[in-house]
Amino acid sequence: MKINSMIFISSVIEQEKSISMMKTFEYDIRPVKGDIMDDPGFHNGYEVVKVSINYASNECFV
C-alpha cells in the first residue's frame, strides 16, 4: 500500500507561518491513529492523528 505521510509544521514565534510536507512510501502495514512514526528528518517521532484510506487506489493519507 502507498502511504502518504503528511506533517504540518508551524512556528511558535511566528504563528501565522506554517508549512506542510508530504513523504510517500510503500509499506505492507498501514498506520493507525495513535502510532508514533519515527523519521530521520526530525529529532522526535510524531503521532498519527488521522488516517484516510482509499482502497480503490491502494493508498492512505496519514
PDB file of N, CA and C in Angstrom:
ATOM      1  N   MET A   1       0.850  -1.178   0.000  1.00  0.00           N
ATOM      2  CA  MET A   1       0.000   0.000   0.000  1.00  0.00           C
ATOM      3  C   MET A   1       0.895   1.241   0.000  1.00  0.00           C
ATOM      4  N   LYS A   2       0.489   2.249  -0.755  1.00  0.00           N
ATOM      5  CA  LYS A   2       1.213   3.511  -0.781  1.00  0.00           C
ATOM      6  C   LYS A   2       0.780   4.355   0.418  1.00  0.00           C
ATOM      7  N   ILE A   3       1.741   4.763   1.243  1.00  0.00           N
ATOM      8  CA  ILE A   3       1.477   5.578   2.425  1.00  0.00           C
ATOM      9  C   ILE A   3       1.926   7.005   2.120  1.00  0.00           C
ATOM     10  N   ASN A   4       1.008   7.955   2.219  1.00  0.00           N
ATOM     11  CA  ASN A   4       1.306   9.373   2.039  1.00  0.00           C
ATOM     12  C   ASN A   4       1.294  10.015   3.419  1.00  0.00           C
ATOM     13  N   SER A   5       2.467  10.258   3.960  1.00  0.00           N
ATOM     14  CA  SER A   5       2.598  10.810   5.306  1.00  0.00           C
ATOM     15  C   SER A   5       2.721  12.324   5.214  1.00  0.00           C
ATOM     16  N   MET A   6       1.794  13.034   5.852  1.00  0.00           N
ATOM     17  CA  MET A   6       1.807  14.499   5.835  1.00  0.00           C
ATOM     18  C   MET A   6       2.091  15.016   7.233  1.00  0.00           C
ATOM     19  N   ILE A   7       2.964  16.024   7.315  1.00  0.00           N
ATOM     20  CA  ILE A   7       3.247  16.662   8.590  1.00  0.00           C
ATOM     21  C   ILE A   7       3.095  18.166   8.405  1.00  0.00           C
ATOM     22  N   PHE A   8       2.472  18.794   9.372  1.00  0.00           N
ATOM     23  CA  PHE A   8       2.258  20.241   9.354  1.00  0.00           C
ATOM     24  C   PHE A   8       3.194  20.860  10.375  1.00  0.00           C
ATOM     25  N   ILE A   9       3.983  21.831   9.937  1.00  0.00           N
ATOM     26  CA  ILE A   9       4.984  22.463  10.790  1.00  0.00           C
ATOM     27  C   ILE A   9       4.636  23.939  10.907  1.00  0.00           C
ATOM     28  N   SER A  10       4.662  24.454  12.144  1.00  0.00           N
ATOM     29  CA  SER A  10       4.409  25.872  12.359  1.00  0.00           C
ATOM     30  C   SER A  10       5.391  26.412  13.382  1.00  0.00           C
ATOM     31  N   SER A  11       5.576  27.696  13.374  1.00  0.00           N
ATOM     32  CA  SER A  11       6.495  28.374  14.274  1.00  0.00           C
ATOM     33  C   SER A  11       5.760  28.842  15.527  1.00  0.00           C
ATOM     34  N   VAL A  12       6.362  28.643  16.683  1.00  0.00           N
ATOM     35  CA  VAL A  12       5.751  29.155  17.911  1.00  0.00           C
ATOM     36  C   VAL A  12       5.998  30.652  18.043  1.00  0.00           C
ATOM     37  N   ILE A  13       7.013  31.157  17.353  1.00  0.00           N
ATOM     38  CA  ILE A  13       7.321  32.590  17.395  1.00  0.00           C
ATOM     39  C   ILE A  13       6.446  33.351  16.405  1.00  0.00           C
ATOM     40  N   GLU A  14       6.356  32.854  15.187  1.00  0.00           N
ATOM     41  CA  GLU A  14       5.543  33.489  14.143  1.00  0.00           C
ATOM     42  C   GLU A  14       4.418  32.526  13.786  1.00  0.00           C
ATOM     43  N   GLN A  15       3.333  32.569  14.534  1.00  0.00           N
ATOM     44  CA  GLN A  15       2.268  31.577  14.416  1.00  0.00           C
ATOM     45  C   GLN A  15       1.540  31.617  13.076  1.00  0.00           C
ATOM     46  N   GLU A  16       1.625  32.708  12.345  1.00  0.00           N
ATOM     47  CA  GLU A  16       0.965  32.766  11.045  1.00  0.00           C
ATOM     48  C   GLU A  16       1.771  32.051   9.977  1.00  0.00           C
ATOM     49  N   LYS A  17       3.009  31.676  10.280  1.00  0.00           N
ATOM     50  CA  LYS A  17       3.835  30.960   9.317  1.00  0.00           C
ATOM     51  C   LYS A  17       3.743  29.463   9.576  1.00  0.00           C
ATOM     52  N   SER A  18       3.384  28.716   8.543  1.00  0.00           N
ATOM     53  CA  SER A  18       3.321  27.266   8.652  1.00  0.00           C
ATOM     54  C   SER A  18       3.602  26.660   7.284  1.00  0.00           C
ATOM     55  N   ILE A  19       3.937  25.385   7.291  1.00  0.00           N
ATOM     56  CA  ILE A  19       4.239  24.672   6.054  1.00  0.00           C
ATOM     57  C   ILE A  19       3.780  23.230   6.227  1.00  0.00           C
ATOM     58  N   SER A  20       3.398  22.599   5.143  1.00  0.00           N
ATOM     59  CA  SER A  20       3.070  21.177   5.190  1.00  0.00           C
ATOM     60  C   SER A  20       4.042  20.442   4.268  1.00  0.00           C
ATOM     61  N   MET A  21       4.427  19.259   4.702  1.00  0.00           N
ATOM     62  CA  MET A  21       5.350  18.440   3.930  1.00  0.00           C
ATOM     63  C   MET A  21       4.738  17.052   3.784  1.00  0.00           C
ATOM     64  N   MET A  22       5.001  16.388   2.652  1.00  0.00           N
ATOM     65  CA  MET A  22       4.471  15.051   2.439  1.00  0.00           C
ATOM     66  C   MET A  22       5.593  14.127   1.954  1.00  0.00           C
ATOM     67  N   LYS A  23       5.607  12.933   2.530  1.00  0.00           N
ATOM     68  CA  LYS A  23       6.547  11.893   2.117  1.00  0.00           C
ATOM     69  C   LYS A  23       5.713  10.674   1.733  1.00  0.00           C
ATOM     70  N   THR A  24       6.018  10.063   0.606  1.00  0.00           N
ATOM     71  CA  THR A  24       5.281   8.898   0.131  1.00  0.00           C
ATOM     72  C   THR A  24       6.214   7.691   0.085  1.00  0.00           C
ATOM     73  N   PHE A  25       5.720   6.563   0.594  1.00  0.00           N
ATOM     74  CA  PHE A  25       6.497   5.343   0.573  1.00  0.00           C
ATOM     75  C   PHE A  25       5.573   4.148   0.499  1.00  0.00           C
ATOM     76  N   GLU A  26       6.102   3.012   0.102  1.00  0.00           N
ATOM     77  CA  GLU A  26       5.360   1.755   0.039  1.00  0.00           C
ATOM     78  C   GLU A  26       5.590   0.987   1.330  1.00  0.00           C
ATOM     79  N   TYR A  27       4.509   0.425   1.878  1.00  0.00           N
ATOM     80  CA  TYR A  27       4.628  -0.351   3.110  1.00  0.00           C
ATOM     81  C   TYR A  27       3.476  -1.332   3.182  1.00  0.00           C
ATOM     82  N   ASP A  28       3.703  -2.490   3.770  1.00  0.00           N
ATOM     83  CA  ASP A  28       2.673  -3.524   3.860  1.00  0.00           C
ATOM     84  C   ASP A  28       1.722  -3.326   5.041  1.00  0.00           C
ATOM     85  N   ILE A  29       2.135  -2.558   6.030  1.00  0.00           N
ATOM     86  CA  ILE A  29       1.309  -2.325   7.220  1.00  0.00           C
ATOM     87  C   ILE A  29       0.884  -0.867   7.219  1.00  0.00           C
ATOM     88  N   ARG A  30      -0.413  -0.627   7.376  1.00  0.00           N
ATOM     89  CA  ARG A  30      -0.869   0.758   7.380  1.00  0.00           C
ATOM     90  C   ARG A  30      -0.855   1.304   8.810  1.00  0.00           C
ATOM     91  N   PRO A  31      -0.489   2.587   8.975  1.00  0.00           N
ATOM     92  CA  PRO A  31      -0.501   3.200  10.298  1.00  0.00           C
ATOM     93  C   PRO A  31      -1.928   3.364  10.815  1.00  0.00           C
ATOM     94  N   VAL A  32      -2.074   3.452  12.126  1.00  0.00           N
ATOM     95  CA  VAL A  32      -3.366   3.717  12.759  1.00  0.00           C
ATOM     96  C   VAL A  32      -3.209   4.897  13.701  1.00  0.00           C
ATOM     97  N   LYS A  33      -4.317   5.528  14.031  1.00  0.00           N
ATOM     98  CA  LYS A  33      -4.314   6.673  14.935  1.00  0.00           C
ATOM     99  C   LYS A  33      -3.640   6.281  16.249  1.00  0.00           C
ATOM    100  N   GLY A  34      -2.736   7.128  16.709  1.00  0.00           N
ATOM    101  CA  GLY A  34      -2.022   6.874  17.950  1.00  0.00           C
ATOM    102  C   GLY A  34      -0.627   6.304  17.752  1.00  0.00           C
ATOM    103  N   ASP A  35      -0.335   5.760  16.561  1.00  0.00           N
ATOM    104  CA  ASP A  35       1.021   5.272  16.284  1.00  0.00           C
ATOM    105  C   ASP A  35       2.012   6.426  16.346  1.00  0.00           C
ATOM    106  N   ILE A  36       3.239   6.121  16.725  1.00  0.00           N
ATOM    107  CA  ILE A  36       4.316   7.102  16.684  1.00  0.00           C
ATOM    108  C   ILE A  36       5.198   6.739  15.498  1.00  0.00           C
ATOM    109  N   MET A  37       5.348   7.673  14.571  1.00  0.00           N
ATOM    110  CA  MET A  37       6.171   7.446  13.388  1.00  0.00           C
ATOM    111  C   MET A  37       7.514   8.144  13.586  1.00  0.00           C
ATOM    112  N   ASP A  38       8.585   7.370  13.524  1.00  0.00           N
ATOM    113  CA  ASP A  38       9.925   7.941  13.596  1.00  0.00           C
ATOM    114  C   ASP A  38      10.371   8.312  12.193  1.00  0.00           C
ATOM    115  N   ASP A  39      11.055   9.453  12.089  1.00  0.00           N
ATOM    116  CA  ASP A  39      11.533   9.923  10.803  1.00  0.00           C
ATOM    117  C   ASP A  39      12.917  10.505  11.018  1.00  0.00           C
ATOM    118  N   PRO A  40      13.931  10.048  10.282  1.00  0.00           N
ATOM    119  CA  PRO A  40      15.276  10.576  10.493  1.00  0.00           C
ATOM    120  C   PRO A  40      15.395  12.068  10.197  1.00  0.00           C
ATOM    121  N   GLY A  41      14.432  12.649   9.489  1.00  0.00           N
ATOM    122  CA  GLY A  41      14.456  14.085   9.214  1.00  0.00           C
ATOM    123  C   GLY A  41      14.065  14.938  10.404  1.00  0.00           C
ATOM    124  N   PHE A  42      13.472  14.328  11.416  1.00  0.00           N
ATOM    125  CA  PHE A  42      13.050  15.037  12.613  1.00  0.00           C
ATOM    126  C   PHE A  42      13.664  14.346  13.820  1.00  0.00           C
ATOM    127  N   HIS A  43      14.001  15.122  14.852  1.00  0.00           N
ATOM    128  CA  HIS A  43      14.657  14.545  16.032  1.00  0.00           C
ATOM    129  C   HIS A  43      13.708  13.673  16.843  1.00  0.00           C
ATOM    130  N   ASN A  44      12.442  14.006  16.860  1.00  0.00           N
ATOM    131  CA  ASN A  44      11.456  13.225  17.606  1.00  0.00           C
ATOM    132  C   ASN A  44      10.472  12.596  16.640  1.00  0.00           C
ATOM    133  N   GLY A  45       9.851  11.515  17.060  1.00  0.00           N
ATOM    134  CA  GLY A  45       8.780  10.936  16.265  1.00  0.00           C
ATOM    135  C   GLY A  45       7.540  11.801  16.374  1.00  0.00           C
ATOM    136  N   TYR A  46       6.562  11.529  15.552  1.00  0.00           N
ATOM    137  CA  TYR A  46       5.318  12.272  15.636  1.00  0.00           C
ATOM    138  C   TYR A  46       4.151  11.301  15.636  1.00  0.00           C
ATOM    139  N   GLU A  47       3.080  11.710  16.291  1.00  0.00           N
ATOM    140  CA  GLU A  47       1.923  10.839  16.478  1.00  0.00           C
ATOM    141  C   GLU A  47       0.964  10.939  15.308  1.00  0.00           C
ATOM    142  N   VAL A  48       0.465   9.793  14.861  1.00  0.00           N
ATOM    143  CA  VAL A  48      -0.538   9.754  13.805  1.00  0.00           C
ATOM    144  C   VAL A  48      -1.866  10.201  14.417  1.00  0.00           C
ATOM    145  N   VAL A  49      -2.477  11.247  13.843  1.00  0.00           N
ATOM    146  CA  VAL A  49      -3.742  11.760  14.383  1.00  0.00           C
ATOM    147  C   VAL A  49      -4.936  11.434  13.489  1.00  0.00           C
ATOM    148  N   LYS A  50      -4.678  11.121  12.200  1.00  0.00           N
ATOM    149  CA  LYS A  50      -5.781  10.802  11.302  1.00  0.00           C
ATOM    150  C   LYS A  50      -5.267   9.926  10.174  1.00  0.00           C
ATOM    151  N   VAL A  51      -6.057   8.942   9.765  1.00  0.00           N
ATOM    152  CA  VAL A  51      -5.709   8.074   8.648  1.00  0.00           C
ATOM    153  C   VAL A  51      -6.911   8.002   7.711  1.00  0.00           C
ATOM    154  N   SER A  52      -6.700   8.348   6.439  1.00  0.00           N
ATOM    155  CA  SER A  52      -7.736   8.218   5.407  1.00  0.00           C
ATOM    156  C   SER A  52      -7.281   7.157   4.418  1.00  0.00           C
ATOM    157  N   ILE A  53      -8.138   6.164   4.180  1.00  0.00           N
ATOM    158  CA  ILE A  53      -7.774   5.036   3.328  1.00  0.00           C
ATOM    159  C   ILE A  53      -8.603   5.063   2.050  1.00  0.00           C
ATOM    160  N   ASN A  54      -7.944   4.865   0.914  1.00  0.00           N
ATOM    161  CA  ASN A  54      -8.614   4.735  -0.366  1.00  0.00           C
ATOM    162  C   ASN A  54      -8.252   3.358  -0.912  1.00  0.00           C
ATOM    163  N   TYR A  55      -9.123   2.383  -0.698  1.00  0.00           N
ATOM    164  CA  TYR A  55      -8.843   1.016  -1.129  1.00  0.00           C
ATOM    165  C   TYR A  55      -8.828   0.883  -2.650  1.00  0.00           C
ATOM    166  N   ALA A  56      -9.572   1.730  -3.360  1.00  0.00           N
ATOM    167  CA  ALA A  56      -9.600   1.663  -4.820  1.00  0.00           C
ATOM    168  C   ALA A  56      -8.232   1.973  -5.421  1.00  0.00           C
ATOM    169  N   SER A  57      -7.511   2.917  -4.816  1.00  0.00           N
ATOM    170  CA  SER A  57      -6.183   3.264  -5.338  1.00  0.00           C
ATOM    171  C   SER A  57      -5.051   2.648  -4.502  1.00  0.00           C
ATOM    172  N   ASN A  58      -5.423   1.851  -3.495  1.00  0.00           N
ATOM    173  CA  ASN A  58      -4.449   1.166  -2.635  1.00  0.00           C
ATOM    174  C   ASN A  58      -3.483   2.140  -1.967  1.00  0.00           C
ATOM    175  N   GLU A  59      -4.028   3.215  -1.386  1.00  0.00           N
ATOM    176  CA  GLU A  59      -3.181   4.193  -0.709  1.00  0.00           C
ATOM    177  C   GLU A  59      -3.907   4.766   0.496  1.00  0.00           C
ATOM    178  N   CYS A  60      -3.128   5.339   1.397  1.00  0.00           N
ATOM    179  CA  CYS A  60      -3.721   6.019   2.533  1.00  0.00           C
ATOM    180  C   CYS A  60      -2.952   7.308   2.812  1.00  0.00           C
ATOM    181  N   PHE A  61      -3.659   8.238   3.426  1.00  0.00           N
ATOM    182  CA  PHE A  61      -3.064   9.515   3.824  1.00  0.00           C
ATOM    183  C   PHE A  61      -3.016   9.545   5.342  1.00  0.00           C
ATOM    184  N   VAL A  62      -1.839   9.869   5.873  1.00  0.00           N
ATOM    185  CA  VAL A  62      -1.621   9.879   7.318  1.00  0.00           C
ATOM    186  C   VAL A  62      -1.273  11.286   7.742  1.00  0.00           C
TER     187      VAL A  62
END
